[in-house]
Amino acid sequence: AADDPAIWVNPGDPAKSAVVATDKKGALEVYDLAGKRLQRISGDYGNNVDVRDDIVVSADDEAEDGDGAMHIYRIDPATRQLTHLKDVATEVTAHGICMYRSPSTGKLYAYPNSPSGRLEQWEL
C-alpha cells in the first residue's frame, strides 16, 4: 500500500503532476492525480520519499550492511516515469528524508535521518 507520499508538480502542466509514494513491502510507486499507478519500482525499500524539482530521493532503512541508503531518481515531465540515477550508502538507518535547495547557491541537499534523531547532510 502507498505510504508517505510526496507530490511532484509538473512545471509545464500542473494537471500532469504526480504523487510519488513508498510501499513499505519493497517498492517505490508513481501515481497520476486520479490515483492511477503509472510506475512501480520493485526492490526499493524506501521508508520515506521527498521531491525537489525533478529529483526524487527515497530513504531506505533496509540496506544490506545494516545502515541506510538513499535511492536517487529523476522524474521525466513528459512520461512521469522515474529513472534511477544512483544509490548512496548512509551511516544512519534512514527512517526519514527531506531535501532542501539553497536559494543562494542553487545546490540541492538531502537529509536522511534516524529514529533517534541522528541526521546526515548530503549534497546532491
PDB file of N, CA and C in Angstrom:
ATOM      1  N   ALA A   1       0.840  -1.192   0.000  1.00  0.00           N
ATOM      2  CA  ALA A   1       0.000   0.000   0.000  1.00  0.00           C
ATOM      3  C   ALA A   1       0.875   1.243   0.000  1.00  0.00           C
ATOM      4  N   ALA A   2       0.441   2.262  -0.693  1.00  0.00           N
ATOM      5  CA  ALA A   2       1.199   3.506  -0.791  1.00  0.00           C
ATOM      6  C   ALA A   2       1.262   4.192   0.568  1.00  0.00           C
ATOM      7  N   ASP A   3       2.438   4.743   0.864  1.00  0.00           N
ATOM      8  CA  ASP A   3       2.667   5.395   2.143  1.00  0.00           C
ATOM      9  C   ASP A   3       3.604   6.582   1.907  1.00  0.00           C
ATOM     10  N   ASP A   4       3.582   7.526   2.802  1.00  0.00           N
ATOM     11  CA  ASP A   4       4.493   8.666   2.792  1.00  0.00           C
ATOM     12  C   ASP A   4       4.579   9.334   1.423  1.00  0.00           C
ATOM     13  N   PRO A   5       3.495   9.877   0.904  1.00  0.00           N
ATOM     14  CA  PRO A   5       3.525  10.467  -0.434  1.00  0.00           C
ATOM     15  C   PRO A   5       4.268  11.802  -0.488  1.00  0.00           C
ATOM     16  N   ALA A   6       4.832  12.058  -1.648  1.00  0.00           N
ATOM     17  CA  ALA A   6       5.413  13.362  -1.972  1.00  0.00           C
ATOM     18  C   ALA A   6       4.811  13.771  -3.310  1.00  0.00           C
ATOM     19  N   ILE A   7       4.474  15.022  -3.442  1.00  0.00           N
ATOM     20  CA  ILE A   7       3.823  15.494  -4.661  1.00  0.00           C
ATOM     21  C   ILE A   7       4.838  16.209  -5.540  1.00  0.00           C
ATOM     22  N   TRP A   8       4.935  15.736  -6.783  1.00  0.00           N
ATOM     23  CA  TRP A   8       5.771  16.395  -7.788  1.00  0.00           C
ATOM     24  C   TRP A   8       4.840  17.232  -8.652  1.00  0.00           C
ATOM     25  N   VAL A   9       5.113  18.539  -8.739  1.00  0.00           N
ATOM     26  CA  VAL A   9       4.303  19.440  -9.551  1.00  0.00           C
ATOM     27  C   VAL A   9       4.985  19.616 -10.906  1.00  0.00           C
ATOM     28  N   ASN A  10       4.264  19.238 -11.953  1.00  0.00           N
ATOM     29  CA  ASN A  10       4.780  19.369 -13.311  1.00  0.00           C
ATOM     30  C   ASN A  10       4.860  20.857 -13.651  1.00  0.00           C
ATOM     31  N   PRO A  11       6.068  21.385 -13.908  1.00  0.00           N
ATOM     32  CA  PRO A  11       6.200  22.824 -14.141  1.00  0.00           C
ATOM     33  C   PRO A  11       5.540  23.301 -15.431  1.00  0.00           C
ATOM     34  N   GLY A  12       5.395  22.423 -16.408  1.00  0.00           N
ATOM     35  CA  GLY A  12       4.788  22.810 -17.678  1.00  0.00           C
ATOM     36  C   GLY A  12       3.287  22.644 -17.717  1.00  0.00           C
ATOM     37  N   ASP A  13       2.768  21.715 -16.905  1.00  0.00           N
ATOM     38  CA  ASP A  13       1.336  21.416 -16.904  1.00  0.00           C
ATOM     39  C   ASP A  13       0.964  20.823 -15.548  1.00  0.00           C
ATOM     40  N   PRO A  14       0.572  21.666 -14.587  1.00  0.00           N
ATOM     41  CA  PRO A  14       0.264  21.169 -13.248  1.00  0.00           C
ATOM     42  C   PRO A  14      -0.768  20.043 -13.219  1.00  0.00           C
ATOM     43  N   ALA A  15      -1.653  19.968 -14.216  1.00  0.00           N
ATOM     44  CA  ALA A  15      -2.635  18.878 -14.263  1.00  0.00           C
ATOM     45  C   ALA A  15      -1.960  17.528 -14.496  1.00  0.00           C
ATOM     46  N   LYS A  16      -0.736  17.553 -14.991  1.00  0.00           N
ATOM     47  CA  LYS A  16       0.024  16.318 -15.215  1.00  0.00           C
ATOM     48  C   LYS A  16       1.089  16.128 -14.142  1.00  0.00           C
ATOM     49  N   SER A  17       0.779  16.567 -12.938  1.00  0.00           N
ATOM     50  CA  SER A  17       1.660  16.343 -11.798  1.00  0.00           C
ATOM     51  C   SER A  17       1.541  14.888 -11.366  1.00  0.00           C
ATOM     52  N   ALA A  18       2.318  14.489 -10.367  1.00  0.00           N
ATOM     53  CA  ALA A  18       2.315  13.092  -9.936  1.00  0.00           C
ATOM     54  C   ALA A  18       2.529  13.001  -8.436  1.00  0.00           C
ATOM     55  N   VAL A  19       2.114  11.872  -7.892  1.00  0.00           N
ATOM     56  CA  VAL A  19       2.336  11.545  -6.491  1.00  0.00           C
ATOM     57  C   VAL A  19       3.317  10.382  -6.457  1.00  0.00           C
ATOM     58  N   VAL A  20       4.398  10.559  -5.715  1.00  0.00           N
ATOM     59  CA  VAL A  20       5.396   9.507  -5.539  1.00  0.00           C
ATOM     60  C   VAL A  20       5.250   9.004  -4.110  1.00  0.00           C
ATOM     61  N   ALA A  21       5.163   7.689  -3.946  1.00  0.00           N
ATOM     62  CA  ALA A  21       4.926   7.124  -2.615  1.00  0.00           C
ATOM     63  C   ALA A  21       5.728   5.845  -2.435  1.00  0.00           C
ATOM     64  N   THR A  22       6.018   5.537  -1.188  1.00  0.00           N
ATOM     65  CA  THR A  22       6.696   4.288  -0.872  1.00  0.00           C
ATOM     66  C   THR A  22       5.670   3.196  -0.616  1.00  0.00           C
ATOM     67  N   ASP A  23       6.062   1.983  -0.907  1.00  0.00           N
ATOM     68  CA  ASP A  23       5.319   0.797  -0.492  1.00  0.00           C
ATOM     69  C   ASP A  23       6.264   0.079   0.453  1.00  0.00           C
ATOM     70  N   LYS A  24       5.930   0.040   1.710  1.00  0.00           N
ATOM     71  CA  LYS A  24       6.829  -0.498   2.730  1.00  0.00           C
ATOM     72  C   LYS A  24       7.158  -1.975   2.515  1.00  0.00           C
ATOM     73  N   LYS A  25       6.467  -2.618   1.584  1.00  0.00           N
ATOM     74  CA  LYS A  25       6.781  -4.013   1.268  1.00  0.00           C
ATOM     75  C   LYS A  25       7.858  -4.114   0.188  1.00  0.00           C
ATOM     76  N   GLY A  26       8.427  -2.978  -0.224  1.00  0.00           N
ATOM     77  CA  GLY A  26       9.555  -3.032  -1.126  1.00  0.00           C
ATOM     78  C   GLY A  26       9.372  -2.446  -2.497  1.00  0.00           C
ATOM     79  N   ALA A  27       8.806  -1.244  -2.588  1.00  0.00           N
ATOM     80  CA  ALA A  27       8.674  -0.619  -3.905  1.00  0.00           C
ATOM     81  C   ALA A  27       8.500   0.889  -3.752  1.00  0.00           C
ATOM     82  N   LEU A  28       8.809   1.576  -4.819  1.00  0.00           N
ATOM     83  CA  LEU A  28       8.527   2.995  -4.951  1.00  0.00           C
ATOM     84  C   LEU A  28       7.504   3.109  -6.075  1.00  0.00           C
ATOM     85  N   GLU A  29       6.454   3.900  -5.864  1.00  0.00           N
ATOM     86  CA  GLU A  29       5.372   3.965  -6.842  1.00  0.00           C
ATOM     87  C   GLU A  29       5.087   5.408  -7.242  1.00  0.00           C
ATOM     88  N   VAL A  30       4.650   5.567  -8.485  1.00  0.00           N
ATOM     89  CA  VAL A  30       4.260   6.870  -9.021  1.00  0.00           C
ATOM     90  C   VAL A  30       2.806   6.765  -9.467  1.00  0.00           C
ATOM     91  N   TYR A  31       1.997   7.757  -9.069  1.00  0.00           N
ATOM     92  CA  TYR A  31       0.572   7.795  -9.403  1.00  0.00           C
ATOM     93  C   TYR A  31       0.248   9.107 -10.094  1.00  0.00           C
ATOM     94  N   ASP A  32      -0.770   9.076 -10.972  1.00  0.00           N
ATOM     95  CA  ASP A  32      -1.269  10.340 -11.502  1.00  0.00           C
ATOM     96  C   ASP A  32      -2.207  10.944 -10.460  1.00  0.00           C
ATOM     97  N   LEU A  33      -2.742  12.120 -10.745  1.00  0.00           N
ATOM     98  CA  LEU A  33      -3.577  12.807  -9.756  1.00  0.00           C
ATOM     99  C   LEU A  33      -4.938  12.158  -9.550  1.00  0.00           C
ATOM    100  N   ALA A  34      -5.324  11.243 -10.429  1.00  0.00           N
ATOM    101  CA  ALA A  34      -6.571  10.495 -10.261  1.00  0.00           C
ATOM    102  C   ALA A  34      -6.347   9.205  -9.471  1.00  0.00           C
ATOM    103  N   GLY A  35      -5.102   8.918  -9.121  1.00  0.00           N
ATOM    104  CA  GLY A  35      -4.802   7.721  -8.343  1.00  0.00           C
ATOM    105  C   GLY A  35      -4.401   6.505  -9.158  1.00  0.00           C
ATOM    106  N   LYS A  36      -4.264   6.657 -10.464  1.00  0.00           N
ATOM    107  CA  LYS A  36      -3.836   5.537 -11.311  1.00  0.00           C
ATOM    108  C   LYS A  36      -2.323   5.361 -11.178  1.00  0.00           C
ATOM    109  N   ARG A  37      -1.917   4.123 -10.896  1.00  0.00           N
ATOM    110  CA  ARG A  37      -0.487   3.856 -10.770  1.00  0.00           C
ATOM    111  C   ARG A  37       0.170   3.910 -12.142  1.00  0.00           C
ATOM    112  N   LEU A  38       1.217   4.720 -12.257  1.00  0.00           N
ATOM    113  CA  LEU A  38       1.950   4.888 -13.507  1.00  0.00           C
ATOM    114  C   LEU A  38       3.226   4.060 -13.542  1.00  0.00           C
ATOM    115  N   GLN A  39       3.806   3.807 -12.371  1.00  0.00           N
ATOM    116  CA  GLN A  39       5.074   3.080 -12.315  1.00  0.00           C
ATOM    117  C   GLN A  39       5.246   2.456 -10.939  1.00  0.00           C
ATOM    118  N   ARG A  40       5.865   1.282 -10.930  1.00  0.00           N
ATOM    119  CA  ARG A  40       6.226   0.610  -9.674  1.00  0.00           C
ATOM    120  C   ARG A  40       7.660   0.124  -9.824  1.00  0.00           C
ATOM    121  N   ILE A  41       8.526   0.561  -8.923  1.00  0.00           N
ATOM    122  CA  ILE A  41       9.921   0.140  -8.930  1.00  0.00           C
ATOM    123  C   ILE A  41      10.103  -0.817  -7.762  1.00  0.00           C
ATOM    124  N   SER A  42      10.101  -2.099  -8.054  1.00  0.00           N
ATOM    125  CA  SER A  42      10.260  -3.120  -7.015  1.00  0.00           C
ATOM    126  C   SER A  42      11.703  -3.152  -6.538  1.00  0.00           C
ATOM    127  N   GLY A  43      11.879  -3.533  -5.278  1.00  0.00           N
ATOM    128  CA  GLY A  43      13.214  -3.640  -4.711  1.00  0.00           C
ATOM    129  C   GLY A  43      13.693  -2.374  -4.037  1.00  0.00           C
ATOM    130  N   ASP A  44      12.929  -1.301  -4.104  1.00  0.00           N
ATOM    131  CA  ASP A  44      13.262  -0.067  -3.398  1.00  0.00           C
ATOM    132  C   ASP A  44      12.531  -0.117  -2.063  1.00  0.00           C
ATOM    133  N   TYR A  45      13.287  -0.372  -0.997  1.00  0.00           N
ATOM    134  CA  TYR A  45      12.681  -0.489   0.330  1.00  0.00           C
ATOM    135  C   TYR A  45      12.646   0.860   1.026  1.00  0.00           C
ATOM    136  N   GLY A  46      12.186   1.850   0.307  1.00  0.00           N
ATOM    137  CA  GLY A  46      12.125   3.192   0.859  1.00  0.00           C
ATOM    138  C   GLY A  46      11.157   3.285   2.022  1.00  0.00           C
ATOM    139  N   ASN A  47      11.585   3.992   3.031  1.00  0.00           N
ATOM    140  CA  ASN A  47      10.750   4.234   4.195  1.00  0.00           C
ATOM    141  C   ASN A  47      10.074   5.596   4.073  1.00  0.00           C
ATOM    142  N   ASN A  48      10.733   6.510   3.390  1.00  0.00           N
ATOM    143  CA  ASN A  48      10.201   7.847   3.149  1.00  0.00           C
ATOM    144  C   ASN A  48      10.694   8.325   1.794  1.00  0.00           C
ATOM    145  N   VAL A  49      10.050   9.355   1.265  1.00  0.00           N
ATOM    146  CA  VAL A  49      10.424   9.894  -0.039  1.00  0.00           C
ATOM    147  C   VAL A  49      10.240  11.405  -0.021  1.00  0.00           C
ATOM    148  N   ASP A  50      11.063  12.101  -0.793  1.00  0.00           N
ATOM    149  CA  ASP A  50      10.899  13.542  -0.954  1.00  0.00           C
ATOM    150  C   ASP A  50      11.220  13.903  -2.403  1.00  0.00           C
ATOM    151  N   VAL A  51      10.697  15.048  -2.835  1.00  0.00           N
ATOM    152  CA  VAL A  51      10.854  15.506  -4.216  1.00  0.00           C
ATOM    153  C   VAL A  51      11.248  16.976  -4.203  1.00  0.00           C
ATOM    154  N   ARG A  52      12.236  17.325  -5.023  1.00  0.00           N
ATOM    155  CA  ARG A  52      12.585  18.723  -5.285  1.00  0.00           C
ATOM    156  C   ARG A  52      12.854  18.837  -6.774  1.00  0.00           C
ATOM    157  N   ASP A  53      12.131  19.729  -7.408  1.00  0.00           N
ATOM    158  CA  ASP A  53      12.253  19.908  -8.857  1.00  0.00           C
ATOM    159  C   ASP A  53      12.021  18.559  -9.533  1.00  0.00           C
ATOM    160  N   ASP A  54      12.989  18.051 -10.280  1.00  0.00           N
ATOM    161  CA  ASP A  54      12.804  16.760 -10.956  1.00  0.00           C
ATOM    162  C   ASP A  54      13.572  15.628 -10.279  1.00  0.00           C
ATOM    163  N   ILE A  55      14.033  15.851  -9.056  1.00  0.00           N
ATOM    164  CA  ILE A  55      14.799  14.840  -8.320  1.00  0.00           C
ATOM    165  C   ILE A  55      13.925  14.226  -7.227  1.00  0.00           C
ATOM    166  N   VAL A  56      13.945  12.897  -7.169  1.00  0.00           N
ATOM    167  CA  VAL A  56      13.212  12.128  -6.159  1.00  0.00           C
ATOM    168  C   VAL A  56      14.235  11.327  -5.367  1.00  0.00           C
ATOM    169  N   VAL A  57      14.152  11.381  -4.043  1.00  0.00           N
ATOM    170  CA  VAL A  57      15.043  10.601  -3.184  1.00  0.00           C
ATOM    171  C   VAL A  57      14.195   9.781  -2.229  1.00  0.00           C
ATOM    172  N   SER A  58      14.478   8.473  -2.173  1.00  0.00           N
ATOM    173  CA  SER A  58      13.824   7.633  -1.170  1.00  0.00           C
ATOM    174  C   SER A  58      14.863   7.217  -0.140  1.00  0.00           C
ATOM    175  N   ALA A  59      14.441   7.159   1.114  1.00  0.00           N
ATOM    176  CA  ALA A  59      15.305   6.753   2.221  1.00  0.00           C
ATOM    177  C   ALA A  59      15.036   5.295   2.530  1.00  0.00           C
ATOM    178  N   ASP A  60      16.075   4.486   2.461  1.00  0.00           N
ATOM    179  CA  ASP A  60      15.976   3.034   2.632  1.00  0.00           C
ATOM    180  C   ASP A  60      16.543   2.652   3.988  1.00  0.00           C
ATOM    181  N   ASP A  61      15.725   2.032   4.822  1.00  0.00           N
ATOM    182  CA  ASP A  61      16.193   1.611   6.142  1.00  0.00           C
ATOM    183  C   ASP A  61      16.537   0.127   6.184  1.00  0.00           C
ATOM    184  N   GLU A  62      16.593  -0.521   5.035  1.00  0.00           N
ATOM    185  CA  GLU A  62      16.885  -1.951   4.991  1.00  0.00           C
ATOM    186  C   GLU A  62      18.071  -2.250   4.081  1.00  0.00           C
ATOM    187  N   ALA A  63      19.096  -1.415   4.133  1.00  0.00           N
ATOM    188  CA  ALA A  63      20.287  -1.656   3.319  1.00  0.00           C
ATOM    189  C   ALA A  63      20.990  -2.920   3.808  1.00  0.00           C
ATOM    190  N   GLU A  64      21.718  -3.572   2.903  1.00  0.00           N
ATOM    191  CA  GLU A  64      22.343  -4.852   3.214  1.00  0.00           C
ATOM    192  C   GLU A  64      23.352  -4.776   4.351  1.00  0.00           C
ATOM    193  N   ASP A  65      24.025  -3.638   4.513  1.00  0.00           N
ATOM    194  CA  ASP A  65      25.064  -3.538   5.541  1.00  0.00           C
ATOM    195  C   ASP A  65      24.516  -3.133   6.905  1.00  0.00           C
ATOM    196  N   GLY A  66      23.214  -3.003   7.026  1.00  0.00           N
ATOM    197  CA  GLY A  66      22.614  -2.657   8.308  1.00  0.00           C
ATOM    198  C   GLY A  66      22.418  -1.169   8.502  1.00  0.00           C
ATOM    199  N   ASP A  67      23.118  -0.364   7.720  1.00  0.00           N
ATOM    200  CA  ASP A  67      22.895   1.070   7.778  1.00  0.00           C
ATOM    201  C   ASP A  67      21.787   1.415   6.790  1.00  0.00           C
ATOM    202  N   GLY A  68      21.744   2.629   6.353  1.00  0.00           N
ATOM    203  CA  GLY A  68      20.703   3.024   5.420  1.00  0.00           C
ATOM    204  C   GLY A  68      21.253   3.351   4.053  1.00  0.00           C
ATOM    205  N   ALA A  69      20.372   3.811   3.203  1.00  0.00           N
ATOM    206  CA  ALA A  69      20.764   4.221   1.856  1.00  0.00           C
ATOM    207  C   ALA A  69      19.753   5.226   1.335  1.00  0.00           C
ATOM    208  N   MET A  70      20.200   6.010   0.375  1.00  0.00           N
ATOM    209  CA  MET A  70      19.300   6.877  -0.374  1.00  0.00           C
ATOM    210  C   MET A  70      19.309   6.392  -1.815  1.00  0.00           C
ATOM    211  N   HIS A  71      18.131   6.292  -2.410  1.00  0.00           N
ATOM    212  CA  HIS A  71      17.994   5.935  -3.815  1.00  0.00           C
ATOM    213  C   HIS A  71      17.560   7.215  -4.535  1.00  0.00           C
ATOM    214  N   ILE A  72      18.332   7.606  -5.532  1.00  0.00           N
ATOM    215  CA  ILE A  72      18.108   8.889  -6.189  1.00  0.00           C
ATOM    216  C   ILE A  72      17.616   8.654  -7.615  1.00  0.00           C
ATOM    217  N   TYR A  73      16.539   9.352  -7.960  1.00  0.00           N
ATOM    218  CA  TYR A  73      15.888   9.208  -9.261  1.00  0.00           C
ATOM    219  C   TYR A  73      15.652  10.580  -9.877  1.00  0.00           C
ATOM    220  N   ARG A  74      15.409  10.583 -11.187  1.00  0.00           N
ATOM    221  CA  ARG A  74      14.960  11.781 -11.897  1.00  0.00           C
ATOM    222  C   ARG A  74      13.589  11.452 -12.488  1.00  0.00           C
ATOM    223  N   ILE A  75      12.649  12.390 -12.365  1.00  0.00           N
ATOM    224  CA  ILE A  75      11.325  12.183 -12.946  1.00  0.00           C
ATOM    225  C   ILE A  75      11.261  12.890 -14.304  1.00  0.00           C
ATOM    226  N   ASP A  76      10.754  12.193 -15.291  1.00  0.00           N
ATOM    227  CA  ASP A  76      10.606  12.740 -16.641  1.00  0.00           C
ATOM    228  C   ASP A  76       9.258  13.457 -16.720  1.00  0.00           C
ATOM    229  N   PRO A  77       9.240  14.766 -16.986  1.00  0.00           N
ATOM    230  CA  PRO A  77       7.978  15.504 -17.024  1.00  0.00           C
ATOM    231  C   PRO A  77       6.994  15.002 -18.083  1.00  0.00           C
ATOM    232  N   ALA A  78       7.492  14.478 -19.190  1.00  0.00           N
ATOM    233  CA  ALA A  78       6.609  14.018 -20.267  1.00  0.00           C
ATOM    234  C   ALA A  78       5.926  12.699 -19.923  1.00  0.00           C
ATOM    235  N   THR A  79       6.668  11.781 -19.306  1.00  0.00           N
ATOM    236  CA  THR A  79       6.123  10.444 -19.039  1.00  0.00           C
ATOM    237  C   THR A  79       5.752  10.216 -17.583  1.00  0.00           C
ATOM    238  N   ARG A  80       6.270  11.062 -16.692  1.00  0.00           N
ATOM    239  CA  ARG A  80       6.114  10.908 -15.239  1.00  0.00           C
ATOM    240  C   ARG A  80       6.719   9.589 -14.759  1.00  0.00           C
ATOM    241  N   GLN A  81       7.733   9.117 -15.450  1.00  0.00           N
ATOM    242  CA  GLN A  81       8.444   7.899 -15.071  1.00  0.00           C
ATOM    243  C   GLN A  81       9.744   8.285 -14.369  1.00  0.00           C
ATOM    244  N   LEU A  82      10.127   7.474 -13.388  1.00  0.00           N
ATOM    245  CA  LEU A  82      11.375   7.693 -12.675  1.00  0.00           C
ATOM    246  C   LEU A  82      12.498   6.925 -13.354  1.00  0.00           C
ATOM    247  N   THR A  83      13.654   7.561 -13.452  1.00  0.00           N
ATOM    248  CA  THR A  83      14.872   6.919 -13.924  1.00  0.00           C
ATOM    249  C   THR A  83      15.859   6.914 -12.774  1.00  0.00           C
ATOM    250  N   HIS A  84      16.386   5.737 -12.456  1.00  0.00           N
ATOM    251  CA  HIS A  84      17.340   5.610 -11.355  1.00  0.00           C
ATOM    252  C   HIS A  84      18.651   6.287 -11.729  1.00  0.00           C
ATOM    253  N   LEU A  85      19.157   7.151 -10.838  1.00  0.00           N
ATOM    254  CA  LEU A  85      20.432   7.825 -11.068  1.00  0.00           C
ATOM    255  C   LEU A  85      21.557   7.163 -10.292  1.00  0.00           C
ATOM    256  N   LYS A  86      21.344   6.968  -8.987  1.00  0.00           N
ATOM    257  CA  LYS A  86      22.378   6.324  -8.175  1.00  0.00           C
ATOM    258  C   LYS A  86      21.837   6.007  -6.794  1.00  0.00           C
ATOM    259  N   ASP A  87      22.603   5.172  -6.082  1.00  0.00           N
ATOM    260  CA  ASP A  87      22.337   4.853  -4.683  1.00  0.00           C
ATOM    261  C   ASP A  87      23.484   5.413  -3.856  1.00  0.00           C
ATOM    262  N   VAL A  88      23.167   5.887  -2.665  1.00  0.00           N
ATOM    263  CA  VAL A  88      24.172   6.433  -1.761  1.00  0.00           C
ATOM    264  C   VAL A  88      24.005   5.750  -0.409  1.00  0.00           C
ATOM    265  N   ALA A  89      25.070   5.106   0.075  1.00  0.00           N
ATOM    266  CA  ALA A  89      25.035   4.493   1.408  1.00  0.00           C
ATOM    267  C   ALA A  89      25.112   5.591   2.460  1.00  0.00           C
ATOM    268  N   THR A  90      24.302   5.457   3.494  1.00  0.00           N
ATOM    269  CA  THR A  90      24.319   6.417   4.596  1.00  0.00           C
ATOM    270  C   THR A  90      24.743   5.698   5.867  1.00  0.00           C
ATOM    271  N   GLU A  91      25.255   6.458   6.819  1.00  0.00           N
ATOM    272  CA  GLU A  91      25.642   5.872   8.096  1.00  0.00           C
ATOM    273  C   GLU A  91      24.470   5.788   9.061  1.00  0.00           C
ATOM    274  N   VAL A  92      23.391   6.476   8.754  1.00  0.00           N
ATOM    275  CA  VAL A  92      22.200   6.396   9.594  1.00  0.00           C
ATOM    276  C   VAL A  92      21.236   5.382   8.991  1.00  0.00           C
ATOM    277  N   THR A  93      20.486   4.718   9.854  1.00  0.00           N
ATOM    278  CA  THR A  93      19.387   3.885   9.383  1.00  0.00           C
ATOM    279  C   THR A  93      18.290   4.856   8.980  1.00  0.00           C
ATOM    280  N   ALA A  94      18.174   5.076   7.689  1.00  0.00           N
ATOM    281  CA  ALA A  94      17.384   6.192   7.167  1.00  0.00           C
ATOM    282  C   ALA A  94      15.887   5.917   7.259  1.00  0.00           C
ATOM    283  N   HIS A  95      15.278   6.381   8.342  1.00  0.00           N
ATOM    284  CA  HIS A  95      13.831   6.247   8.519  1.00  0.00           C
ATOM    285  C   HIS A  95      13.083   7.460   7.996  1.00  0.00           C
ATOM    286  N   GLY A  96      13.805   8.508   7.653  1.00  0.00           N
ATOM    287  CA  GLY A  96      13.174   9.707   7.124  1.00  0.00           C
ATOM    288  C   GLY A  96      14.103  10.394   6.148  1.00  0.00           C
ATOM    289  N   ILE A  97      13.533  11.259   5.331  1.00  0.00           N
ATOM    290  CA  ILE A  97      14.336  12.001   4.348  1.00  0.00           C
ATOM    291  C   ILE A  97      13.662  13.338   4.086  1.00  0.00           C
ATOM    292  N   CYS A  98      14.461  14.367   3.921  1.00  0.00           N
ATOM    293  CA  CYS A  98      13.943  15.646   3.439  1.00  0.00           C
ATOM    294  C   CYS A  98      15.015  16.261   2.553  1.00  0.00           C
ATOM    295  N   MET A  99      14.588  17.155   1.691  1.00  0.00           N
ATOM    296  CA  MET A  99      15.511  17.799   0.765  1.00  0.00           C
ATOM    297  C   MET A  99      15.373  19.312   0.867  1.00  0.00           C
ATOM    298  N   TYR A 100      16.418  20.001   0.418  1.00  0.00           N
ATOM    299  CA  TYR A 100      16.471  21.459   0.501  1.00  0.00           C
ATOM    300  C   TYR A 100      17.313  21.982  -0.656  1.00  0.00           C
ATOM    301  N   ARG A 101      16.844  23.026  -1.316  1.00  0.00           N
ATOM    302  CA  ARG A 101      17.652  23.706  -2.329  1.00  0.00           C
ATOM    303  C   ARG A 101      18.019  25.076  -1.782  1.00  0.00           C
ATOM    304  N   SER A 102      19.319  25.353  -1.717  1.00  0.00           N
ATOM    305  CA  SER A 102      19.795  26.634  -1.215  1.00  0.00           C
ATOM    306  C   SER A 102      19.434  27.750  -2.192  1.00  0.00           C
ATOM    307  N   PRO A 103      18.747  28.790  -1.727  1.00  0.00           N
ATOM    308  CA  PRO A 103      18.404  29.887  -2.629  1.00  0.00           C
ATOM    309  C   PRO A 103      19.626  30.703  -3.045  1.00  0.00           C
ATOM    310  N   SER A 104      20.676  30.688  -2.237  1.00  0.00           N
ATOM    311  CA  SER A 104      21.853  31.490  -2.578  1.00  0.00           C
ATOM    312  C   SER A 104      22.814  30.768  -3.517  1.00  0.00           C
ATOM    313  N   THR A 105      22.918  29.430  -3.403  1.00  0.00           N
ATOM    314  CA  THR A 105      23.868  28.691  -4.249  1.00  0.00           C
ATOM    315  C   THR A 105      23.181  27.832  -5.300  1.00  0.00           C
ATOM    316  N   GLY A 106      21.909  27.519  -5.096  1.00  0.00           N
ATOM    317  CA  GLY A 106      21.198  26.623  -6.007  1.00  0.00           C
ATOM    318  C   GLY A 106      21.510  25.156  -5.776  1.00  0.00           C
ATOM    319  N   LYS A 107      22.374  24.863  -4.813  1.00  0.00           N
ATOM    320  CA  LYS A 107      22.743  23.469  -4.544  1.00  0.00           C
ATOM    321  C   LYS A 107      21.592  22.733  -3.868  1.00  0.00           C
ATOM    322  N   LEU A 108      21.485  21.439  -4.211  1.00  0.00           N
ATOM    323  CA  LEU A 108      20.430  20.593  -3.668  1.00  0.00           C
ATOM    324  C   LEU A 108      21.030  19.660  -2.623  1.00  0.00           C
ATOM    325  N   TYR A 109      20.360  19.538  -1.487  1.00  0.00           N
ATOM    326  CA  TYR A 109      20.831  18.700  -0.387  1.00  0.00           C
ATOM    327  C   TYR A 109      19.745  17.709   0.015  1.00  0.00           C
ATOM    328  N   ALA A 110      20.185  16.553   0.505  1.00  0.00           N
ATOM    329  CA  ALA A 110      19.273  15.562   1.088  1.00  0.00           C
ATOM    330  C   ALA A 110      19.716  15.312   2.520  1.00  0.00           C
ATOM    331  N   TYR A 111      18.730  15.085   3.392  1.00  0.00           N
ATOM    332  CA  TYR A 111      18.981  14.889   4.815  1.00  0.00           C
ATOM    333  C   TYR A 111      18.308  13.605   5.287  1.00  0.00           C
ATOM    334  N   PRO A 112      19.005  12.472   5.227  1.00  0.00           N
ATOM    335  CA  PRO A 112      18.440  11.256   5.820  1.00  0.00           C
ATOM    336  C   PRO A 112      18.559  11.344   7.336  1.00  0.00           C
ATOM    337  N   ASN A 113      17.548  10.824   8.031  1.00  0.00           N
ATOM    338  CA  ASN A 113      17.585  10.890   9.491  1.00  0.00           C
ATOM    339  C   ASN A 113      17.095   9.582  10.095  1.00  0.00           C
ATOM    340  N   SER A 114      17.533   9.367  11.335  1.00  0.00           N
ATOM    341  CA  SER A 114      17.230   8.115  12.037  1.00  0.00           C
ATOM    342  C   SER A 114      16.138   8.339  13.074  1.00  0.00           C
ATOM    343  N   PRO A 115      15.560   7.258  13.608  1.00  0.00           N
ATOM    344  CA  PRO A 115      14.547   7.398  14.656  1.00  0.00           C
ATOM    345  C   PRO A 115      15.083   8.087  15.911  1.00  0.00           C
ATOM    346  N   SER A 116      16.396   7.971  16.160  1.00  0.00           N
ATOM    347  CA  SER A 116      16.979   8.588  17.354  1.00  0.00           C
ATOM    348  C   SER A 116      17.275  10.073  17.154  1.00  0.00           C
ATOM    349  N   GLY A 117      17.080  10.572  15.927  1.00  0.00           N
ATOM    350  CA  GLY A 117      17.311  11.982  15.653  1.00  0.00           C
ATOM    351  C   GLY A 117      18.644  12.278  14.990  1.00  0.00           C
ATOM    352  N   ARG A 118      19.423  11.250  14.701  1.00  0.00           N
ATOM    353  CA  ARG A 118      20.699  11.447  14.007  1.00  0.00           C
ATOM    354  C   ARG A 118      20.414  11.855  12.560  1.00  0.00           C
ATOM    355  N   LEU A 119      21.184  12.817  12.062  1.00  0.00           N
ATOM    356  CA  LEU A 119      20.926  13.415  10.757  1.00  0.00           C
ATOM    357  C   LEU A 119      22.228  13.507   9.975  1.00  0.00           C
ATOM    358  N   GLU A 120      22.157  13.255   8.677  1.00  0.00           N
ATOM    359  CA  GLU A 120      23.295  13.464   7.789  1.00  0.00           C
ATOM    360  C   GLU A 120      22.885  14.469   6.717  1.00  0.00           C
ATOM    361  N   GLN A 121      23.877  15.202   6.198  1.00  0.00           N
ATOM    362  CA  GLN A 121      23.634  16.136   5.095  1.00  0.00           C
ATOM    363  C   GLN A 121      24.441  15.672   3.896  1.00  0.00           C
ATOM    364  N   TRP A 122      23.767  15.551   2.749  1.00  0.00           N
ATOM    365  CA  TRP A 122      24.408  15.137   1.505  1.00  0.00           C
ATOM    366  C   TRP A 122      24.117  16.160   0.424  1.00  0.00           C
ATOM    367  N   GLU A 123      25.171  16.636  -0.247  1.00  0.00           N
ATOM    368  CA  GLU A 123      24.962  17.490  -1.414  1.00  0.00           C
ATOM    369  C   GLU A 123      24.706  16.588  -2.607  1.00  0.00           C
ATOM    370  N   LEU A 124      23.606  16.829  -3.290  1.00  0.00           N
ATOM    371  CA  LEU A 124      23.282  16.043  -4.474  1.00  0.00           C
ATOM    372  C   LEU A 124      23.781  16.784  -5.667  1.00  0.00           C
TER     373      LEU A 124
END
